[in-house]
Amino acid sequence: VNDINIGSQVNKVIIQSDWMHRNRIGSIGNIYVRSLAG
């Protein structure tokens, strides 16, 4: 996503689904995709 300054350190902001929401095959069907209509 971006970098964030915490004190004197520069950290990277990386997003990812939590493990409980991506540890099974059925987890793929539970996510949503945004269409062009919103």
PDB file of all heavy atoms in Angstrom:
ATOM      1  N   VAL A   1       0.828  -1.203   0.000  1.00  0.00           N
ATOM      2  CA  VAL A   1       0.000   0.000   0.000  1.00  0.00           C
ATOM      3  C   VAL A   1       0.861   1.251   0.000  1.00  0.00           C
ATOM      4  O   VAL A   1       0.802   2.073  -0.911  1.00  0.00           O
ATOM      5  CB  VAL A   1      -0.960   0.020   1.210  1.00  0.00           C
ATOM      6  CG1 VAL A   1      -1.799   1.306   1.209  1.00  0.00           C
ATOM      7  CG2 VAL A   1      -1.862  -1.200   1.176  1.00  0.00           C
ATOM      8  N   ASN A   2       1.703   1.394   1.001  1.00  0.00           N
ATOM      9  CA  ASN A   2       2.497   2.609   1.124  1.00  0.00           C
ATOM     10  C   ASN A   2       3.518   2.400   2.232  1.00  0.00           C
ATOM     11  O   ASN A   2       3.595   1.338   2.841  1.00  0.00           O
ATOM     12  CB  ASN A   2       1.588   3.803   1.452  1.00  0.00           C
ATOM     13  CG  ASN A   2       2.194   5.123   0.997  1.00  0.00           C
ATOM     14  OD1 ASN A   2       3.403   5.208   0.797  1.00  0.00           O
ATOM     15  ND2 ASN A   2       1.361   6.134   0.831  1.00  0.00           N
ATOM     16  N   ASP A   3       4.305   3.440   2.487  1.00  0.00           N
ATOM     17  CA  ASP A   3       5.234   3.443   3.614  1.00  0.00           C
ATOM     18  C   ASP A   3       4.672   4.317   4.724  1.00  0.00           C
ATOM     19  O   ASP A   3       3.955   5.293   4.480  1.00  0.00           O
ATOM     20  CB  ASP A   3       6.599   3.975   3.183  1.00  0.00           C
ATOM     21  CG  ASP A   3       7.297   3.040   2.213  1.00  0.00           C
ATOM     22  OD1 ASP A   3       6.939   1.850   2.191  1.00  0.00           O
ATOM     23  OD2 ASP A   3       8.192   3.492   1.466  1.00  0.00           O
ATOM     24  N   ILE A   4       5.023   3.990   5.952  1.00  0.00           N
ATOM     25  CA  ILE A   4       4.571   4.763   7.105  1.00  0.00           C
ATOM     26  C   ILE A   4       5.758   4.997   8.028  1.00  0.00           C
ATOM     27  O   ILE A   4       6.592   4.107   8.226  1.00  0.00           O
ATOM     28  CB  ILE A   4       3.425   4.038   7.855  1.00  0.00           C
ATOM     29  CG1 ILE A   4       2.936   4.901   9.003  1.00  0.00           C
ATOM     30  CG2 ILE A   4       3.854   2.669   8.338  1.00  0.00           C
ATOM     31  CD1 ILE A   4       1.702   4.322   9.691  1.00  0.00           C
ATOM     32  N   ASN A   5       5.859   6.195   8.535  1.00  0.00           N
ATOM     33  CA  ASN A   5       6.940   6.552   9.455  1.00  0.00           C
ATOM     34  C   ASN A   5       6.479   6.334  10.887  1.00  0.00           C
ATOM     35  O   ASN A   5       5.481   6.924  11.336  1.00  0.00           O
ATOM     36  CB  ASN A   5       7.355   8.009   9.263  1.00  0.00           C
ATOM     37  CG  ASN A   5       7.939   8.259   7.883  1.00  0.00           C
ATOM     38  OD1 ASN A   5       8.604   7.402   7.320  1.00  0.00           O
ATOM     39  ND2 ASN A   5       7.680   9.440   7.334  1.00  0.00           N
ATOM     40  N   ILE A   6       7.199   5.486  11.597  1.00  0.00           N
ATOM     41  CA  ILE A   6       6.940   5.249  13.021  1.00  0.00           C
ATOM     42  C   ILE A   6       8.217   5.604  13.769  1.00  0.00           C
ATOM     43  O   ILE A   6       9.189   4.830  13.760  1.00  0.00           O
ATOM     44  CB  ILE A   6       6.534   3.785  13.289  1.00  0.00           C
ATOM     45  CG1 ILE A   6       5.268   3.437  12.502  1.00  0.00           C
ATOM     46  CG2 ILE A   6       6.313   3.562  14.784  1.00  0.00           C
ATOM     47  CD1 ILE A   6       4.825   2.001  12.687  1.00  0.00           C
ATOM     48  N   GLY A   7       8.193   6.774  14.380  1.00  0.00           N
ATOM     49  CA  GLY A   7       9.397   7.260  15.030  1.00  0.00           C
ATOM     50  C   GLY A   7      10.453   7.581  13.967  1.00  0.00           C
ATOM     51  O   GLY A   7      10.233   8.374  13.051  1.00  0.00           O
ATOM     52  N   SER A   8      11.607   6.929  14.075  1.00  0.00           N
ATOM     53  CA  SER A   8      12.684   7.149  13.102  1.00  0.00           C
ATOM     54  C   SER A   8      12.763   6.031  12.073  1.00  0.00           C
ATOM     55  O   SER A   8      13.694   6.002  11.272  1.00  0.00           O
ATOM     56  CB  SER A   8      14.028   7.258  13.842  1.00  0.00           C
ATOM     57  OG  SER A   8      14.295   6.058  14.560  1.00  0.00           O
ATOM     58  N   GLN A   9      11.790   5.136  12.086  1.00  0.00           N
ATOM     59  CA  GLN A   9      11.803   4.007  11.174  1.00  0.00           C
ATOM     60  C   GLN A   9      10.750   4.185  10.089  1.00  0.00           C
ATOM     61  O   GLN A   9       9.693   4.754  10.308  1.00  0.00           O
ATOM     62  CB  GLN A   9      11.542   2.694  11.928  1.00  0.00           C
ATOM     63  CG  GLN A   9      12.624   2.326  12.924  1.00  0.00           C
ATOM     64  CD  GLN A   9      12.333   0.995  13.608  1.00  0.00           C
ATOM     65  OE1 GLN A   9      11.224   0.466  13.512  1.00  0.00           O
ATOM     66  NE2 GLN A   9      13.312   0.466  14.321  1.00  0.00           N
ATOM     67  N   VAL A  10      11.092   3.675   8.901  1.00  0.00           N
ATOM     68  CA  VAL A  10      10.164   3.676   7.781  1.00  0.00           C
ATOM     69  C   VAL A  10       9.702   2.247   7.563  1.00  0.00           C
ATOM     70  O   VAL A  10      10.512   1.349   7.310  1.00  0.00           O
ATOM     71  CB  VAL A  10      10.813   4.230   6.503  1.00  0.00           C
ATOM     72  CG1 VAL A  10       9.827   4.182   5.347  1.00  0.00           C
ATOM     73  CG2 VAL A  10      11.309   5.651   6.729  1.00  0.00           C
ATOM     74  N   ASN A  11       8.409   1.997   7.687  1.00  0.00           N
ATOM     75  CA  ASN A  11       7.843   0.655   7.571  1.00  0.00           C
ATOM     76  C   ASN A  11       6.914   0.591   6.365  1.00  0.00           C
ATOM     77  O   ASN A  11       6.256   1.583   6.010  1.00  0.00           O
ATOM     78  CB  ASN A  11       7.062   0.283   8.842  1.00  0.00           C
ATOM     79  CG  ASN A  11       7.936   0.263  10.081  1.00  0.00           C
ATOM     80  OD1 ASN A  11       8.570  -0.730  10.382  1.00  0.00           O
ATOM     81  ND2 ASN A  11       7.968   1.398  10.791  1.00  0.00           N
ATOM     82  N   LYS A  12       6.866  -0.574   5.766  1.00  0.00           N
ATOM     83  CA  LYS A  12       5.980  -0.797   4.633  1.00  0.00           C
ATOM     84  C   LYS A  12       4.620  -1.254   5.120  1.00  0.00           C
ATOM     85  O   LYS A  12       4.513  -2.067   6.047  1.00  0.00           O
ATOM     86  CB  LYS A  12       6.569  -1.848   3.687  1.00  0.00           C
ATOM     87  CG  LYS A  12       7.866  -1.422   3.027  1.00  0.00           C
ATOM     88  CD  LYS A  12       8.364  -2.486   2.073  1.00  0.00           C
ATOM     89  CE  LYS A  12       9.665  -2.063   1.410  1.00  0.00           C
ATOM     90  NZ  LYS A  12       9.499  -0.865   0.578  1.00  0.00           N
ATOM     91  N   VAL A  13       3.574  -0.765   4.495  1.00  0.00           N
ATOM     92  CA  VAL A  13       2.210  -1.155   4.808  1.00  0.00           C
ATOM     93  C   VAL A  13       1.785  -2.199   3.774  1.00  0.00           C
ATOM     94  O   VAL A  13       1.681  -1.917   2.575  1.00  0.00           O
ATOM     95  CB  VAL A  13       1.254   0.047   4.784  1.00  0.00           C
ATOM     96  CG1 VAL A  13      -0.171  -0.405   5.075  1.00  0.00           C
ATOM     97  CG2 VAL A  13       1.708   1.094   5.784  1.00  0.00           C
ATOM     98  N   ILE A  14       1.571  -3.417   4.226  1.00  0.00           N
ATOM     99  CA  ILE A  14       1.191  -4.531   3.361  1.00  0.00           C
ATOM    100  C   ILE A  14      -0.077  -5.155   3.916  1.00  0.00           C
ATOM    101  O   ILE A  14      -0.155  -5.470   5.113  1.00  0.00           O
ATOM    102  CB  ILE A  14       2.312  -5.590   3.289  1.00  0.00           C
ATOM    103  CG1 ILE A  14       3.579  -4.965   2.696  1.00  0.00           C
ATOM    104  CG2 ILE A  14       1.880  -6.791   2.468  1.00  0.00           C
ATOM    105  CD1 ILE A  14       4.763  -5.892   2.668  1.00  0.00           C
ATOM    106  N   ILE A  15      -1.092  -5.313   3.082  1.00  0.00           N
ATOM    107  CA  ILE A  15      -2.366  -5.866   3.535  1.00  0.00           C
ATOM    108  C   ILE A  15      -2.492  -7.302   3.056  1.00  0.00           C
ATOM    109  O   ILE A  15      -1.954  -7.696   2.020  1.00  0.00           O
ATOM    110  CB  ILE A  15      -3.564  -5.027   3.038  1.00  0.00           C
ATOM    111  CG1 ILE A  15      -3.580  -4.995   1.509  1.00  0.00           C
ATOM    112  CG2 ILE A  15      -3.503  -3.619   3.602  1.00  0.00           C
ATOM    113  CD1 ILE A  15      -4.808  -4.288   0.954  1.00  0.00           C
ATOM    114  N   GLN A  16      -3.222  -8.090   3.848  1.00  0.00           N
ATOM    115  CA  GLN A  16      -3.447  -9.496   3.560  1.00  0.00           C
ATOM    116  C   GLN A  16      -4.595  -9.980   4.435  1.00  0.00           C
ATOM    117  O   GLN A  16      -4.782  -9.502   5.561  1.00  0.00           O
ATOM    118  CB  GLN A  16      -2.174 -10.312   3.837  1.00  0.00           C
ATOM    119  CG  GLN A  16      -2.277 -11.783   3.505  1.00  0.00           C
ATOM    120  CD  GLN A  16      -1.041 -12.559   3.954  1.00  0.00           C
ATOM    121  OE1 GLN A  16      -0.636 -12.467   5.125  1.00  0.00           O
ATOM    122  NE2 GLN A  16      -0.444 -13.314   3.045  1.00  0.00           N
ATOM    123  N   SER A  17      -5.371 -10.924   3.912  1.00  0.00           N
ATOM    124  CA  SER A  17      -6.465 -11.479   4.695  1.00  0.00           C
ATOM    125  C   SER A  17      -5.918 -12.274   5.867  1.00  0.00           C
ATOM    126  O   SER A  17      -4.846 -12.888   5.782  1.00  0.00           O
ATOM    127  CB  SER A  17      -7.339 -12.364   3.807  1.00  0.00           C
ATOM    128  OG  SER A  17      -8.394 -12.935   4.561  1.00  0.00           O
ATOM    129  N   ASP A  18      -6.676 -12.269   6.980  1.00  0.00           N
ATOM    130  CA  ASP A  18      -6.250 -13.019   8.151  1.00  0.00           C
ATOM    131  C   ASP A  18      -6.242 -14.514   7.832  1.00  0.00           C
ATOM    132  O   ASP A  18      -6.956 -14.996   6.950  1.00  0.00           O
ATOM    133  CB  ASP A  18      -7.189 -12.708   9.315  1.00  0.00           C
ATOM    134  CG  ASP A  18      -6.564 -13.098  10.652  1.00  0.00           C
ATOM    135  OD1 ASP A  18      -5.374 -13.484  10.642  1.00  0.00           O
ATOM    136  OD2 ASP A  18      -7.260 -13.032  11.673  1.00  0.00           O
ATOM    137  N   TRP A  19      -5.438 -15.257   8.600  1.00  0.00           N
ATOM    138  CA  TRP A  19      -5.243 -16.683   8.296  1.00  0.00           C
ATOM    139  C   TRP A  19      -6.559 -17.466   8.353  1.00  0.00           C
ATOM    140  O   TRP A  19      -6.800 -18.356   7.542  1.00  0.00           O
ATOM    141  CB  TRP A  19      -4.227 -17.264   9.274  1.00  0.00           C
ATOM    142  CG  TRP A  19      -4.085 -18.755   9.181  1.00  0.00           C
ATOM    143  CD1 TRP A  19      -4.397 -19.673  10.128  1.00  0.00           C
ATOM    144  CD2 TRP A  19      -3.594 -19.492   8.063  1.00  0.00           C
ATOM    145  NE1 TRP A  19      -4.136 -20.939   9.690  1.00  0.00           N
ATOM    146  CE2 TRP A  19      -3.638 -20.857   8.402  1.00  0.00           C
ATOM    147  CE3 TRP A  19      -3.129 -19.140   6.802  1.00  0.00           C
ATOM    148  CZ2 TRP A  19      -3.245 -21.873   7.541  1.00  0.00           C
ATOM    149  CZ3 TRP A  19      -2.729 -20.146   5.943  1.00  0.00           C
ATOM    150  CH2 TRP A  19      -2.785 -21.503   6.306  1.00  0.00           C
ATOM    151  N   MET A  20      -7.420 -17.154   9.282  1.00  0.00           N
ATOM    152  CA  MET A  20      -8.673 -17.906   9.419  1.00  0.00           C
ATOM    153  C   MET A  20      -9.596 -17.698   8.221  1.00  0.00           C
ATOM    154  O   MET A  20     -10.535 -18.484   8.031  1.00  0.00           O
ATOM    155  CB  MET A  20      -9.390 -17.486  10.722  1.00  0.00           C
ATOM    156  CG  MET A  20      -9.886 -16.040  10.727  1.00  0.00           C
ATOM    157  SD  MET A  20     -10.711 -15.625  12.282  1.00  0.00           S
ATOM    158  CE  MET A  20      -9.389 -15.821  13.451  1.00  0.00           C
ATOM    159  N   HIS A  21      -9.338 -16.678   7.425  1.00  0.00           N
ATOM    160  CA  HIS A  21     -10.175 -16.396   6.257  1.00  0.00           C
ATOM    161  C   HIS A  21      -9.525 -16.830   4.943  1.00  0.00           C
ATOM    162  O   HIS A  21     -10.059 -16.529   3.868  1.00  0.00           O
ATOM    163  CB  HIS A  21     -10.493 -14.895   6.179  1.00  0.00           C
ATOM    164  CG  HIS A  21     -11.221 -14.392   7.373  1.00  0.00           C
ATOM    165  ND1 HIS A  21     -12.522 -14.771   7.704  1.00  0.00           N
ATOM    166  CD2 HIS A  21     -10.827 -13.525   8.366  1.00  0.00           C
ATOM    167  CE1 HIS A  21     -12.904 -14.165   8.809  1.00  0.00           C
ATOM    168  NE2 HIS A  21     -11.894 -13.394   9.240  1.00  0.00           N
ATOM    169  N   ARG A  22      -8.392 -17.538   5.033  1.00  0.00           N
ATOM    170  CA  ARG A  22      -7.738 -17.988   3.804  1.00  0.00           C
ATOM    171  C   ARG A  22      -7.053 -19.352   3.975  1.00  0.00           C
ATOM    172  O   ARG A  22      -6.199 -19.726   3.193  1.00  0.00           O
ATOM    173  CB  ARG A  22      -6.689 -16.969   3.355  1.00  0.00           C
ATOM    174  CG  ARG A  22      -5.612 -16.643   4.379  1.00  0.00           C
ATOM    175  CD  ARG A  22      -4.687 -15.556   3.865  1.00  0.00           C
ATOM    176  NE  ARG A  22      -3.726 -15.147   4.875  1.00  0.00           N
ATOM    177  CZ  ARG A  22      -2.533 -15.710   5.081  1.00  0.00           C
ATOM    178  NH1 ARG A  22      -2.159 -16.726   4.329  1.00  0.00           N
ATOM    179  NH2 ARG A  22      -1.742 -15.265   6.018  1.00  0.00           N
ATOM    180  N   ASN A  23      -7.467 -20.113   4.984  1.00  0.00           N
ATOM    181  CA  ASN A  23      -6.829 -21.401   5.245  1.00  0.00           C
ATOM    182  C   ASN A  23      -7.621 -22.584   4.692  1.00  0.00           C
ATOM    183  O   ASN A  23      -7.238 -23.729   4.890  1.00  0.00           O
ATOM    184  CB  ASN A  23      -6.594 -21.597   6.745  1.00  0.00           C
ATOM    185  CG  ASN A  23      -7.904 -21.581   7.531  1.00  0.00           C
ATOM    186  OD1 ASN A  23      -8.951 -21.278   6.969  1.00  0.00           O
ATOM    187  ND2 ASN A  23      -7.836 -21.884   8.818  1.00  0.00           N
ATOM    188  N   ARG A  24      -8.735 -22.337   4.007  1.00  0.00           N
ATOM    189  CA  ARG A  24      -9.552 -23.403   3.438  1.00  0.00           C
ATOM    190  C   ARG A  24      -9.887 -23.075   1.991  1.00  0.00           C
ATOM    191  O   ARG A  24      -9.870 -21.905   1.581  1.00  0.00           O
ATOM    192  CB  ARG A  24     -10.848 -23.582   4.244  1.00  0.00           C
ATOM    193  CG  ARG A  24     -10.643 -23.966   5.703  1.00  0.00           C
ATOM    194  CD  ARG A  24     -11.995 -24.236   6.387  1.00  0.00           C
ATOM    195  NE  ARG A  24     -12.902 -23.096   6.224  1.00  0.00           N
ATOM    196  CZ  ARG A  24     -12.929 -22.041   7.022  1.00  0.00           C
ATOM    197  NH1 ARG A  24     -12.084 -21.982   8.055  1.00  0.00           N
ATOM    198  NH2 ARG A  24     -13.767 -21.075   6.810  1.00  0.00           N
ATOM    199  N   ILE A  25     -10.258 -24.144   1.240  1.00  0.00           N
ATOM    200  CA  ILE A  25     -10.628 -23.921  -0.161  1.00  0.00           C
ATOM    201  C   ILE A  25     -11.902 -23.086  -0.251  1.00  0.00           C
ATOM    202  O   ILE A  25     -12.047 -22.225  -1.131  1.00  0.00           O
ATOM    203  CB  ILE A  25     -10.816 -25.279  -0.872  1.00  0.00           C
ATOM    204  CG1 ILE A  25      -9.516 -26.077  -0.841  1.00  0.00           C
ATOM    205  CG2 ILE A  25     -11.286 -25.076  -2.302  1.00  0.00           C
ATOM    206  CD1 ILE A  25      -9.633 -27.443  -1.457  1.00  0.00           C
ATOM    207  N   GLY A  26     -12.821 -23.297   0.689  1.00  0.00           N
ATOM    208  CA  GLY A  26     -14.066 -22.544   0.644  1.00  0.00           C
ATOM    209  C   GLY A  26     -13.896 -21.066   0.924  1.00  0.00           C
ATOM    210  O   GLY A  26     -14.827 -20.285   0.695  1.00  0.00           O
ATOM    211  N   SER A  27     -12.707 -20.671   1.412  1.00  0.00           N
ATOM    212  CA  SER A  27     -12.491 -19.250   1.700  1.00  0.00           C
ATOM    213  C   SER A  27     -12.513 -18.413   0.431  1.00  0.00           C
ATOM    214  O   SER A  27     -12.807 -17.211   0.486  1.00  0.00           O
ATOM    215  CB  SER A  27     -11.157 -19.067   2.422  1.00  0.00           C
ATOM    216  OG  SER A  27     -11.134 -19.798   3.635  1.00  0.00           O
ATOM    217  N   ILE A  28     -12.220 -19.046  -0.713  1.00  0.00           N
ATOM    218  CA  ILE A  28     -12.212 -18.286  -1.971  1.00  0.00           C
ATOM    219  C   ILE A  28     -13.616 -17.807  -2.310  1.00  0.00           C
ATOM    220  O   ILE A  28     -13.814 -16.685  -2.802  1.00  0.00           O
ATOM    221  CB  ILE A  28     -11.629 -19.150  -3.095  1.00  0.00           C
ATOM    222  CG1 ILE A  28     -10.198 -19.537  -2.756  1.00  0.00           C
ATOM    223  CG2 ILE A  28     -11.696 -18.425  -4.435  1.00  0.00           C
ATOM    224  CD1 ILE A  28      -9.546 -20.449  -3.777  1.00  0.00           C
ATOM    225  N   GLY A  29     -14.614 -18.642  -2.054  1.00  0.00           N
ATOM    226  CA  GLY A  29     -15.987 -18.247  -2.386  1.00  0.00           C
ATOM    227  C   GLY A  29     -16.575 -17.220  -1.455  1.00  0.00           C
ATOM    228  O   GLY A  29     -17.657 -16.671  -1.739  1.00  0.00           O
ATOM    229  N   ASN A  30     -15.923 -16.933  -0.344  1.00  0.00           N
ATOM    230  CA  ASN A  30     -16.467 -15.997   0.635  1.00  0.00           C
ATOM    231  C   ASN A  30     -16.009 -14.560   0.422  1.00  0.00           C
ATOM    232  O   ASN A  30     -16.457 -13.676   1.160  1.00  0.00           O
ATOM    233  CB  ASN A  30     -16.091 -16.438   2.049  1.00  0.00           C
ATOM    234  CG  ASN A  30     -16.707 -17.787   2.401  1.00  0.00           C
ATOM    235  OD1 ASN A  30     -17.774 -18.141   1.907  1.00  0.00           O
ATOM    236  ND2 ASN A  30     -16.024 -18.545   3.275  1.00  0.00           N
ATOM    237  N   ILE A  31     -15.128 -14.331  -0.525  1.00  0.00           N
ATOM    238  CA  ILE A  31     -14.676 -12.962  -0.753  1.00  0.00           C
ATOM    239  C   ILE A  31     -15.559 -12.308  -1.823  1.00  0.00           C
ATOM    240  O   ILE A  31     -16.240 -12.992  -2.595  1.00  0.00           O
ATOM    241  CB  ILE A  31     -13.192 -12.923  -1.166  1.00  0.00           C
ATOM    242  CG1 ILE A  31     -12.984 -13.653  -2.483  1.00  0.00           C
ATOM    243  CG2 ILE A  31     -12.319 -13.540  -0.077  1.00  0.00           C
ATOM    244  CD1 ILE A  31     -11.554 -13.575  -2.993  1.00  0.00           C
ATOM    245  N   TYR A  32     -15.510 -10.988  -1.884  1.00  0.00           N
ATOM    246  CA  TYR A  32     -16.343 -10.225  -2.809  1.00  0.00           C
ATOM    247  C   TYR A  32     -15.445  -9.388  -3.718  1.00  0.00           C
ATOM    248  O   TYR A  32     -14.378  -8.929  -3.319  1.00  0.00           O
ATOM    249  CB  TYR A  32     -17.312  -9.317  -2.045  1.00  0.00           C
ATOM    250  CG  TYR A  32     -18.391 -10.079  -1.317  1.00  0.00           C
ATOM    251  CD1 TYR A  32     -18.152 -10.622  -0.050  1.00  0.00           C
ATOM    252  CD2 TYR A  32     -19.655 -10.246  -1.895  1.00  0.00           C
ATOM    253  CE1 TYR A  32     -19.134 -11.327   0.619  1.00  0.00           C
ATOM    254  CE2 TYR A  32     -20.653 -10.946  -1.220  1.00  0.00           C
ATOM    255  CZ  TYR A  32     -20.379 -11.484   0.032  1.00  0.00           C
ATOM    256  OH  TYR A  32     -21.356 -12.184   0.676  1.00  0.00           O
ATOM    257  N   VAL A  33     -15.957  -9.180  -4.940  1.00  0.00           N
ATOM    258  CA  VAL A  33     -15.257  -8.372  -5.933  1.00  0.00           C
ATOM    259  C   VAL A  33     -16.155  -7.213  -6.303  1.00  0.00           C
ATOM    260  O   VAL A  33     -17.367  -7.394  -6.520  1.00  0.00           O
ATOM    261  CB  VAL A  33     -14.897  -9.197  -7.185  1.00  0.00           C
ATOM    262  CG1 VAL A  33     -14.118  -8.344  -8.170  1.00  0.00           C
ATOM    263  CG2 VAL A  33     -14.111 -10.434  -6.801  1.00  0.00           C
ATOM    264  N   ARG A  34     -15.587  -6.012  -6.420  1.00  0.00           N
ATOM    265  CA  ARG A  34     -16.385  -4.838  -6.749  1.00  0.00           C
ATOM    266  C   ARG A  34     -16.508  -4.720  -8.273  1.00  0.00           C
ATOM    267  O   ARG A  34     -15.521  -4.801  -8.998  1.00  0.00           O
ATOM    268  CB  ARG A  34     -15.750  -3.588  -6.163  1.00  0.00           C
ATOM    269  CG  ARG A  34     -16.632  -2.342  -6.278  1.00  0.00           C
ATOM    270  CD  ARG A  34     -16.018  -1.185  -5.506  1.00  0.00           C
ATOM    271  NE  ARG A  34     -15.928  -1.491  -4.087  1.00  0.00           N
ATOM    272  CZ  ARG A  34     -16.935  -1.343  -3.220  1.00  0.00           C
ATOM    273  NH1 ARG A  34     -18.120  -0.893  -3.644  1.00  0.00           N
ATOM    274  NH2 ARG A  34     -16.772  -1.624  -1.950  1.00  0.00           N
ATOM    275  N   SER A  35     -17.711  -4.529  -8.728  1.00  0.00           N
ATOM    276  CA  SER A  35     -17.977  -4.375 -10.153  1.00  0.00           C
ATOM    277  C   SER A  35     -17.828  -2.921 -10.559  1.00  0.00           C
ATOM    278  O   SER A  35     -17.615  -2.033  -9.718  1.00  0.00           O
ATOM    279  CB  SER A  35     -19.388  -4.869 -10.489  1.00  0.00           C
ATOM    280  OG  SER A  35     -20.368  -4.031  -9.882  1.00  0.00           O
ATOM    281  N   LEU A  36     -17.983  -2.675 -11.874  1.00  0.00           N
ATOM    282  CA  LEU A  36     -17.880  -1.299 -12.365  1.00  0.00           C
ATOM    283  C   LEU A  36     -19.053  -0.450 -11.881  1.00  0.00           C
ATOM    284  O   LEU A  36     -18.958   0.790 -11.828  1.00  0.00           O
ATOM    285  CB  LEU A  36     -17.829  -1.297 -13.899  1.00  0.00           C
ATOM    286  CG  LEU A  36     -16.596  -1.967 -14.515  1.00  0.00           C
ATOM    287  CD1 LEU A  36     -16.698  -1.947 -16.040  1.00  0.00           C
ATOM    288  CD2 LEU A  36     -15.323  -1.270 -14.064  1.00  0.00           C
ATOM    289  N   ALA A  37     -20.173  -1.086 -11.530  1.00  0.00           N
ATOM    290  CA  ALA A  37     -21.330  -0.350 -11.017  1.00  0.00           C
ATOM    291  C   ALA A  37     -21.211  -0.037  -9.542  1.00  0.00           C
ATOM    292  O   ALA A  37     -22.078   0.636  -8.968  1.00  0.00           O
ATOM    293  CB  ALA A  37     -22.612  -1.151 -11.275  1.00  0.00           C
ATOM    294  N   GLY A  38     -20.169  -0.547  -8.883  1.00  0.00           N
ATOM    295  CA  GLY A  38     -19.953  -0.280  -7.471  1.00  0.00           C
ATOM    296  C   GLY A  38     -20.542  -1.319  -6.560  1.00  0.00           C
ATOM    297  O   GLY A  38     -20.405  -1.203  -5.336  1.00  0.00           O
TER     298      GLY A  38
END
